[in-house]
Amino acid sequence: MENERLHDKDIREPLFTFLEETFGKVRIIEEKMIGRSRADCIMVTESALVGIEIKSDADTFTRLATQVTDYDRYYDYNIAAVGVSHVMHIGEHIPPYWGIITVENTGDGPDFYLLRKPLRNPYMQPKRKISILWRPELAAIQEKYRMPRYERLGKALVAAKIVEAVPPEALAREISSQLFERDYTTIGETIAAYRKEHAPARRKTKKKRRAGRRLL
């Protein structure tokens, strides 16, 4: 019914449809941990990641300050999608470069309106943003740019090397491309194959080192 409070579960799927209609080619990834917060969803575009925080009429602003800080570290743009009960005050809780989408219950379902377009987030940290990629996805970027494989380095250090080596605009497109291509039905097999390919080399090196010590 019209004027009934909308909850998160009422908003999500219709919101994703609205985002696709408004922004064109996008991919939506739900529920991603970022620092101390959980992003409701990430909208992947061809050259950027957009964090979407949903505040339904049933939600409060209690955790929003922490969420804003975490979103700003990870995403190129950020948007708050809020129920009409929050419209008057949402601007007091988010930075001016965040976008705002309003959500109203019309009786036939949620109705959305892009009240304020998002501007580029000046606080995004590339090393945090690229951390959303899995190791095989990082390896694909390394191969494309003819980088060393850095098999002895952990994921965070490999990601840092990529950030240093690949120009920012190109890296933004590469991250989006990897996320558009990500197949959640096969990624487990992909990661297992990556580990199998790279683990033997590390074990052999350790054995050689131990053998060398025995000969000394």
C-alpha atoms as a PDB file:
ATOM      1  CA  MET A   1       0.000   0.000   0.000  1.00  0.00           C
ATOM      2  CA  GLU A   2       1.021   3.611  -0.606  1.00  0.00           C
ATOM      3  CA  ASN A   3       2.768   5.325   2.349  1.00  0.00           C
ATOM      4  CA  GLU A   4       3.756   2.009   3.925  1.00  0.00           C
ATOM      5  CA  ARG A   5       7.390   1.923   4.990  1.00  0.00           C
ATOM      6  CA  LEU A   6       9.744   0.253   2.540  1.00  0.00           C
ATOM      7  CA  HIS A   7      12.350  -2.176   3.833  1.00  0.00           C
ATOM      8  CA  ASP A   8      15.689  -3.116   2.293  1.00  0.00           C
ATOM      9  CA  LYS A   9      14.257  -6.321   0.801  1.00  0.00           C
ATOM     10  CA  ASP A  10      11.542  -4.305  -0.952  1.00  0.00           C
ATOM     11  CA  ILE A  11      14.057  -1.944  -2.519  1.00  0.00           C
ATOM     12  CA  ARG A  12      16.952  -4.045  -3.811  1.00  0.00           C
ATOM     13  CA  GLU A  13      15.758  -5.721  -7.001  1.00  0.00           C
ATOM     14  CA  PRO A  14      13.756  -2.732  -8.277  1.00  0.00           C
ATOM     15  CA  LEU A  15      16.749  -0.494  -7.459  1.00  0.00           C
ATOM     16  CA  PHE A  16      19.064  -2.669  -9.547  1.00  0.00           C
ATOM     17  CA  THR A  17      16.677  -2.363 -12.484  1.00  0.00           C
ATOM     18  CA  PHE A  18      16.616   1.429 -12.039  1.00  0.00           C
ATOM     19  CA  LEU A  19      20.433   1.560 -11.978  1.00  0.00           C
ATOM     20  CA  GLU A  20      20.639  -0.434 -15.215  1.00  0.00           C
ATOM     21  CA  GLU A  21      18.094   1.841 -16.887  1.00  0.00           C
ATOM     22  CA  THR A  22      19.848   4.997 -15.645  1.00  0.00           C
ATOM     23  CA  PHE A  23      23.539   4.162 -16.063  1.00  0.00           C
ATOM     24  CA  GLY A  24      23.513   1.714 -18.983  1.00  0.00           C
ATOM     25  CA  LYS A  25      25.905  -1.233 -18.973  1.00  0.00           C
ATOM     26  CA  VAL A  26      26.488  -2.143 -15.334  1.00  0.00           C
ATOM     27  CA  ARG A  27      27.003  -5.175 -13.152  1.00  0.00           C
ATOM     28  CA  ILE A  28      25.763  -5.321  -9.575  1.00  0.00           C
ATOM     29  CA  ILE A  29      27.745  -7.099  -6.847  1.00  0.00           C
ATOM     30  CA  GLU A  30      25.975  -7.396  -3.500  1.00  0.00           C
ATOM     31  CA  GLU A  31      27.202  -7.520   0.102  1.00  0.00           C
ATOM     32  CA  LYS A  32      30.936  -6.791   0.013  1.00  0.00           C
ATOM     33  CA  MET A  33      32.980  -6.234   3.182  1.00  0.00           C
ATOM     34  CA  ILE A  34      34.939  -2.978   3.083  1.00  0.00           C
ATOM     35  CA  GLY A  35      36.941  -2.117   6.175  1.00  0.00           C
ATOM     36  CA  ARG A  36      34.550  -2.056   9.137  1.00  0.00           C
ATOM     37  CA  SER A  37      31.435  -1.934   6.959  1.00  0.00           C
ATOM     38  CA  ARG A  38      29.501  -4.077   4.523  1.00  0.00           C
ATOM     39  CA  ALA A  39      28.635  -2.369   1.240  1.00  0.00           C
ATOM     40  CA  ASP A  40      25.029  -3.078   0.280  1.00  0.00           C
ATOM     41  CA  CYS A  41      26.066  -3.260  -3.355  1.00  0.00           C
ATOM     42  CA  ILE A  42      28.718  -2.190  -5.831  1.00  0.00           C
ATOM     43  CA  MET A  43      27.738  -0.981  -9.276  1.00  0.00           C
ATOM     44  CA  VAL A  44      30.441  -1.819 -11.801  1.00  0.00           C
ATOM     45  CA  THR A  45      30.596   0.451 -14.849  1.00  0.00           C
ATOM     46  CA  GLU A  46      33.081   0.236 -17.705  1.00  0.00           C
ATOM     47  CA  SER A  47      35.532   2.590 -15.974  1.00  0.00           C
ATOM     48  CA  ALA A  48      34.490   2.942 -12.342  1.00  0.00           C
ATOM     49  CA  LEU A  49      33.117   1.292  -9.209  1.00  0.00           C
ATOM     50  CA  VAL A  50      30.145   2.935  -7.522  1.00  0.00           C
ATOM     51  CA  GLY A  51      29.283   2.131  -3.918  1.00  0.00           C
ATOM     52  CA  ILE A  52      25.555   2.045  -3.126  1.00  0.00           C
ATOM     53  CA  GLU A  53      24.369   2.363   0.478  1.00  0.00           C
ATOM     54  CA  ILE A  54      20.651   1.665   1.000  1.00  0.00           C
ATOM     55  CA  LYS A  55      18.845   3.418   3.842  1.00  0.00           C
ATOM     56  CA  SER A  56      15.236   2.295   3.766  1.00  0.00           C
ATOM     57  CA  ASP A  57      12.521   4.027   5.765  1.00  0.00           C
ATOM     58  CA  ALA A  58      13.036   1.340   8.406  1.00  0.00           C
ATOM     59  CA  ASP A  59      16.781   2.111   8.771  1.00  0.00           C
ATOM     60  CA  THR A  60      18.588   4.780  10.802  1.00  0.00           C
ATOM     61  CA  PHE A  61      21.734   6.867  10.265  1.00  0.00           C
ATOM     62  CA  THR A  62      23.466   5.283  13.289  1.00  0.00           C
ATOM     63  CA  ARG A  63      26.341   3.649  11.377  1.00  0.00           C
ATOM     64  CA  LEU A  64      26.403   5.961   8.377  1.00  0.00           C
ATOM     65  CA  ALA A  65      29.436   8.033   9.431  1.00  0.00           C
ATOM     66  CA  THR A  66      31.599   4.890   9.573  1.00  0.00           C
ATOM     67  CA  GLN A  67      30.098   3.604   6.330  1.00  0.00           C
ATOM     68  CA  VAL A  68      30.861   6.868   4.509  1.00  0.00           C
ATOM     69  CA  THR A  69      34.512   6.665   5.578  1.00  0.00           C
ATOM     70  CA  ASP A  70      34.822   3.067   4.381  1.00  0.00           C
ATOM     71  CA  TYR A  71      32.976   3.604   1.096  1.00  0.00           C
ATOM     72  CA  ASP A  72      35.197   6.598   0.333  1.00  0.00           C
ATOM     73  CA  ARG A  73      38.317   4.456   0.646  1.00  0.00           C
ATOM     74  CA  TYR A  74      37.160   1.905  -1.931  1.00  0.00           C
ATOM     75  CA  TYR A  75      34.963   3.409  -4.639  1.00  0.00           C
ATOM     76  CA  ASP A  76      35.264   6.024  -7.380  1.00  0.00           C
ATOM     77  CA  TYR A  77      31.725   7.268  -6.750  1.00  0.00           C
ATOM     78  CA  ASN A  78      29.177   6.684  -3.993  1.00  0.00           C
ATOM     79  CA  ILE A  79      25.398   6.949  -3.802  1.00  0.00           C
ATOM     80  CA  ALA A  80      22.932   6.830  -0.914  1.00  0.00           C
ATOM     81  CA  ALA A  81      19.563   5.340  -1.880  1.00  0.00           C
ATOM     82  CA  VAL A  82      17.110   6.550   0.774  1.00  0.00           C
ATOM     83  CA  GLY A  83      13.453   6.241   1.640  1.00  0.00           C
ATOM     84  CA  VAL A  84      11.391   9.419   1.557  1.00  0.00           C
ATOM     85  CA  SER A  85      11.444   9.664   5.356  1.00  0.00           C
ATOM     86  CA  HIS A  86      15.207  10.330   5.143  1.00  0.00           C
ATOM     87  CA  VAL A  87      15.246  12.770   2.223  1.00  0.00           C
ATOM     88  CA  MET A  88      15.192  15.939   4.336  1.00  0.00           C
ATOM     89  CA  HIS A  89      18.205  14.933   6.434  1.00  0.00           C
ATOM     90  CA  ILE A  90      20.416  12.669   4.294  1.00  0.00           C
ATOM     91  CA  GLY A  91      22.441  15.676   3.106  1.00  0.00           C
ATOM     92  CA  GLU A  92      23.549  16.276   6.683  1.00  0.00           C
ATOM     93  CA  HIS A  93      25.112  12.817   6.890  1.00  0.00           C
ATOM     94  CA  ILE A  94      26.927  12.366   3.567  1.00  0.00           C
ATOM     95  CA  PRO A  95      29.545  14.478   1.730  1.00  0.00           C
ATOM     96  CA  PRO A  96      28.416  16.796  -1.092  1.00  0.00           C
ATOM     97  CA  TYR A  97      30.087  14.571  -3.716  1.00  0.00           C
ATOM     98  CA  TRP A  98      27.861  11.606  -2.852  1.00  0.00           C
ATOM     99  CA  GLY A  99      24.846  11.065  -5.059  1.00  0.00           C
ATOM    100  CA  ILE A 100      21.312  10.647  -3.716  1.00  0.00           C
ATOM    101  CA  ILE A 101      18.554   8.388  -5.039  1.00  0.00           C
ATOM    102  CA  THR A 102      15.142   8.723  -3.411  1.00  0.00           C
ATOM    103  CA  VAL A 103      12.830   5.742  -2.986  1.00  0.00           C
ATOM    104  CA  GLU A 104       9.074   6.210  -2.605  1.00  0.00           C
ATOM    105  CA  ASN A 105       6.353   3.635  -2.174  1.00  0.00           C
ATOM    106  CA  THR A 106       3.722   4.416  -4.813  1.00  0.00           C
ATOM    107  CA  GLY A 107       1.443   1.526  -3.977  1.00  0.00           C
ATOM    108  CA  ASP A 108       2.547  -0.322  -7.116  1.00  0.00           C
ATOM    109  CA  GLY A 109       6.100  -0.758  -5.845  1.00  0.00           C
ATOM    110  CA  PRO A 110       9.129   1.471  -5.229  1.00  0.00           C
ATOM    111  CA  ASP A 111       9.600   4.551  -7.397  1.00  0.00           C
ATOM    112  CA  PHE A 112      13.131   5.926  -7.779  1.00  0.00           C
ATOM    113  CA  TYR A 113      14.471   9.378  -8.582  1.00  0.00           C
ATOM    114  CA  LEU A 114      18.081  10.500  -9.017  1.00  0.00           C
ATOM    115  CA  LEU A 115      17.942  13.551  -6.789  1.00  0.00           C
ATOM    116  CA  ARG A 116      21.682  14.301  -6.927  1.00  0.00           C
ATOM    117  CA  LYS A 117      24.270  12.892  -9.330  1.00  0.00           C
ATOM    118  CA  PRO A 118      27.448  11.554  -7.706  1.00  0.00           C
ATOM    119  CA  LEU A 119      30.734  13.358  -8.246  1.00  0.00           C
ATOM    120  CA  ARG A 120      34.124  11.676  -8.288  1.00  0.00           C
ATOM    121  CA  ASN A 121      35.210  10.699  -4.798  1.00  0.00           C
ATOM    122  CA  PRO A 122      38.505  12.484  -3.959  1.00  0.00           C
ATOM    123  CA  TYR A 123      39.459  10.006  -1.221  1.00  0.00           C
ATOM    124  CA  MET A 124      39.415   6.689  -3.113  1.00  0.00           C
ATOM    125  CA  GLN A 125      42.553   4.635  -2.400  1.00  0.00           C
ATOM    126  CA  PRO A 126      43.593   2.544  -5.440  1.00  0.00           C
ATOM    127  CA  LYS A 127      45.160  -0.184  -3.276  1.00  0.00           C
ATOM    128  CA  ARG A 128      41.856  -0.615  -1.458  1.00  0.00           C
ATOM    129  CA  LYS A 129      39.816  -0.542  -4.643  1.00  0.00           C
ATOM    130  CA  ILE A 130      41.898  -3.209  -6.397  1.00  0.00           C
ATOM    131  CA  SER A 131      41.646  -5.473  -3.339  1.00  0.00           C
ATOM    132  CA  ILE A 132      38.180  -6.525  -4.539  1.00  0.00           C
ATOM    133  CA  LEU A 133      39.895  -8.593  -7.245  1.00  0.00           C
ATOM    134  CA  TRP A 134      40.932 -12.194  -6.625  1.00  0.00           C
ATOM    135  CA  ARG A 135      44.459 -13.410  -7.233  1.00  0.00           C
ATOM    136  CA  PRO A 136      43.768 -14.991 -10.684  1.00  0.00           C
ATOM    137  CA  GLU A 137      42.195 -11.701 -11.768  1.00  0.00           C
ATOM    138  CA  LEU A 138      45.285  -9.810 -10.641  1.00  0.00           C
ATOM    139  CA  ALA A 139      47.411 -12.329 -12.533  1.00  0.00           C
ATOM    140  CA  ALA A 140      45.470 -11.592 -15.729  1.00  0.00           C
ATOM    141  CA  ILE A 141      46.339  -7.895 -15.418  1.00  0.00           C
ATOM    142  CA  GLN A 142      49.986  -8.731 -14.709  1.00  0.00           C
ATOM    143  CA  GLU A 143      50.148 -10.880 -17.823  1.00  0.00           C
ATOM    144  CA  LYS A 144      48.491  -8.250 -20.009  1.00  0.00           C
ATOM    145  CA  TYR A 145      51.002  -5.606 -18.941  1.00  0.00           C
ATOM    146  CA  ARG A 146      53.945  -8.029 -19.049  1.00  0.00           C
ATOM    147  CA  MET A 147      54.692  -7.661 -15.374  1.00  0.00           C
ATOM    148  CA  PRO A 148      56.669 -10.154 -13.283  1.00  0.00           C
ATOM    149  CA  ARG A 149      54.524 -12.818 -11.627  1.00  0.00           C
ATOM    150  CA  TYR A 150      55.734 -12.030  -8.073  1.00  0.00           C
ATOM    151  CA  GLU A 151      54.941 -15.575  -6.963  1.00  0.00           C
ATOM    152  CA  ARG A 152      56.556 -15.074  -3.553  1.00  0.00           C
ATOM    153  CA  LEU A 153      54.504 -11.994  -2.711  1.00  0.00           C
ATOM    154  CA  GLY A 154      51.124 -11.980  -1.017  1.00  0.00           C
ATOM    155  CA  LYS A 155      48.037 -10.629  -2.728  1.00  0.00           C
ATOM    156  CA  ALA A 156      48.245  -7.170  -1.133  1.00  0.00           C
ATOM    157  CA  LEU A 157      51.844  -6.649  -2.263  1.00  0.00           C
ATOM    158  CA  VAL A 158      51.058  -7.874  -5.786  1.00  0.00           C
ATOM    159  CA  ALA A 159      48.123  -5.465  -5.927  1.00  0.00           C
ATOM    160  CA  ALA A 160      50.415  -2.622  -4.829  1.00  0.00           C
ATOM    161  CA  LYS A 161      52.870  -3.484  -7.633  1.00  0.00           C
ATOM    162  CA  ILE A 162      50.042  -3.361 -10.178  1.00  0.00           C
ATOM    163  CA  VAL A 163      48.855   0.026  -8.889  1.00  0.00           C
ATOM    164  CA  GLU A 164      52.398   1.361  -9.328  1.00  0.00           C
ATOM    165  CA  ALA A 165      52.854  -0.079 -12.819  1.00  0.00           C
ATOM    166  CA  VAL A 166      49.521   0.503 -14.568  1.00  0.00           C
ATOM    167  CA  PRO A 167      48.300   4.072 -15.331  1.00  0.00           C
ATOM    168  CA  PRO A 168      45.220   4.998 -13.231  1.00  0.00           C
ATOM    169  CA  GLU A 169      42.725   5.311 -16.089  1.00  0.00           C
ATOM    170  CA  ALA A 170      43.861   2.036 -17.634  1.00  0.00           C
ATOM    171  CA  LEU A 171      43.764   0.305 -14.249  1.00  0.00           C
ATOM    172  CA  ALA A 172      40.206   1.507 -13.651  1.00  0.00           C
ATOM    173  CA  ARG A 173      39.124  -0.106 -16.924  1.00  0.00           C
ATOM    174  CA  GLU A 174      41.008  -3.312 -16.131  1.00  0.00           C
ATOM    175  CA  ILE A 175      39.373  -3.664 -12.702  1.00  0.00           C
ATOM    176  CA  SER A 176      35.929  -3.147 -14.199  1.00  0.00           C
ATOM    177  CA  SER A 177      36.676  -5.570 -17.028  1.00  0.00           C
ATOM    178  CA  GLN A 178      37.713  -8.305 -14.593  1.00  0.00           C
ATOM    179  CA  LEU A 179      34.544  -7.807 -12.540  1.00  0.00           C
ATOM    180  CA  PHE A 180      32.322  -7.863 -15.637  1.00  0.00           C
ATOM    181  CA  GLU A 181      33.936 -11.166 -16.654  1.00  0.00           C
ATOM    182  CA  ARG A 182      33.890 -12.744 -13.182  1.00  0.00           C
ATOM    183  CA  ASP A 183      31.986 -16.037 -13.166  1.00  0.00           C
ATOM    184  CA  TYR A 184      30.910 -16.992  -9.663  1.00  0.00           C
ATOM    185  CA  THR A 185      30.026 -20.514 -10.828  1.00  0.00           C
ATOM    186  CA  THR A 186      33.608 -21.322 -11.825  1.00  0.00           C
ATOM    187  CA  ILE A 187      35.776 -18.988  -9.745  1.00  0.00           C
ATOM    188  CA  GLY A 188      36.449 -21.706  -7.149  1.00  0.00           C
ATOM    189  CA  GLU A 189      37.944 -23.915  -9.851  1.00  0.00           C
ATOM    190  CA  THR A 190      39.906 -20.969 -11.250  1.00  0.00           C
ATOM    191  CA  ILE A 191      41.442 -20.149  -7.869  1.00  0.00           C
ATOM    192  CA  ALA A 192      42.249 -23.819  -7.209  1.00  0.00           C
ATOM    193  CA  ALA A 193      43.968 -24.102 -10.599  1.00  0.00           C
ATOM    194  CA  TYR A 194      45.948 -20.934  -9.903  1.00  0.00           C
ATOM    195  CA  ARG A 195      47.133 -22.259  -6.535  1.00  0.00           C
ATOM    196  CA  LYS A 196      48.055 -25.634  -8.038  1.00  0.00           C
ATOM    197  CA  GLU A 197      50.081 -23.983 -10.784  1.00  0.00           C
ATOM    198  CA  HIS A 198      52.032 -21.721  -8.458  1.00  0.00           C
ATOM    199  CA  ALA A 199      52.372 -23.717  -5.216  1.00  0.00           C
ATOM    200  CA  PRO A 200      54.805 -26.428  -6.512  1.00  0.00           C
ATOM    201  CA  ALA A 201      57.426 -23.861  -7.443  1.00  0.00           C
ATOM    202  CA  ARG A 202      57.441 -22.495  -3.910  1.00  0.00           C
ATOM    203  CA  ARG A 203      57.674 -25.953  -2.342  1.00  0.00           C
ATOM    204  CA  LYS A 204      60.556 -26.990  -4.586  1.00  0.00           C
ATOM    205  CA  THR A 205      62.462 -23.850  -3.710  1.00  0.00           C
ATOM    206  CA  LYS A 206      62.068 -24.563  -0.002  1.00  0.00           C
ATOM    207  CA  LYS A 207      63.343 -28.137  -0.468  1.00  0.00           C
ATOM    208  CA  LYS A 208      66.388 -26.901  -2.340  1.00  0.00           C
ATOM    209  CA  ARG A 209      67.118 -24.440   0.430  1.00  0.00           C
ATOM    210  CA  ARG A 210      66.881 -27.164   3.102  1.00  0.00           C
ATOM    211  CA  ALA A 211      69.119 -29.448   1.041  1.00  0.00           C
ATOM    212  CA  GLY A 212      71.614 -26.665   0.632  1.00  0.00           C
ATOM    213  CA  ARG A 213      71.777 -26.119   4.368  1.00  0.00           C
ATOM    214  CA  ARG A 214      72.483 -29.834   4.968  1.00  0.00           C
ATOM    215  CA  LEU A 215      75.413 -29.710   2.563  1.00  0.00           C
ATOM    216  CA  LEU A 216      77.048 -26.767   4.317  1.00  0.00           C
END
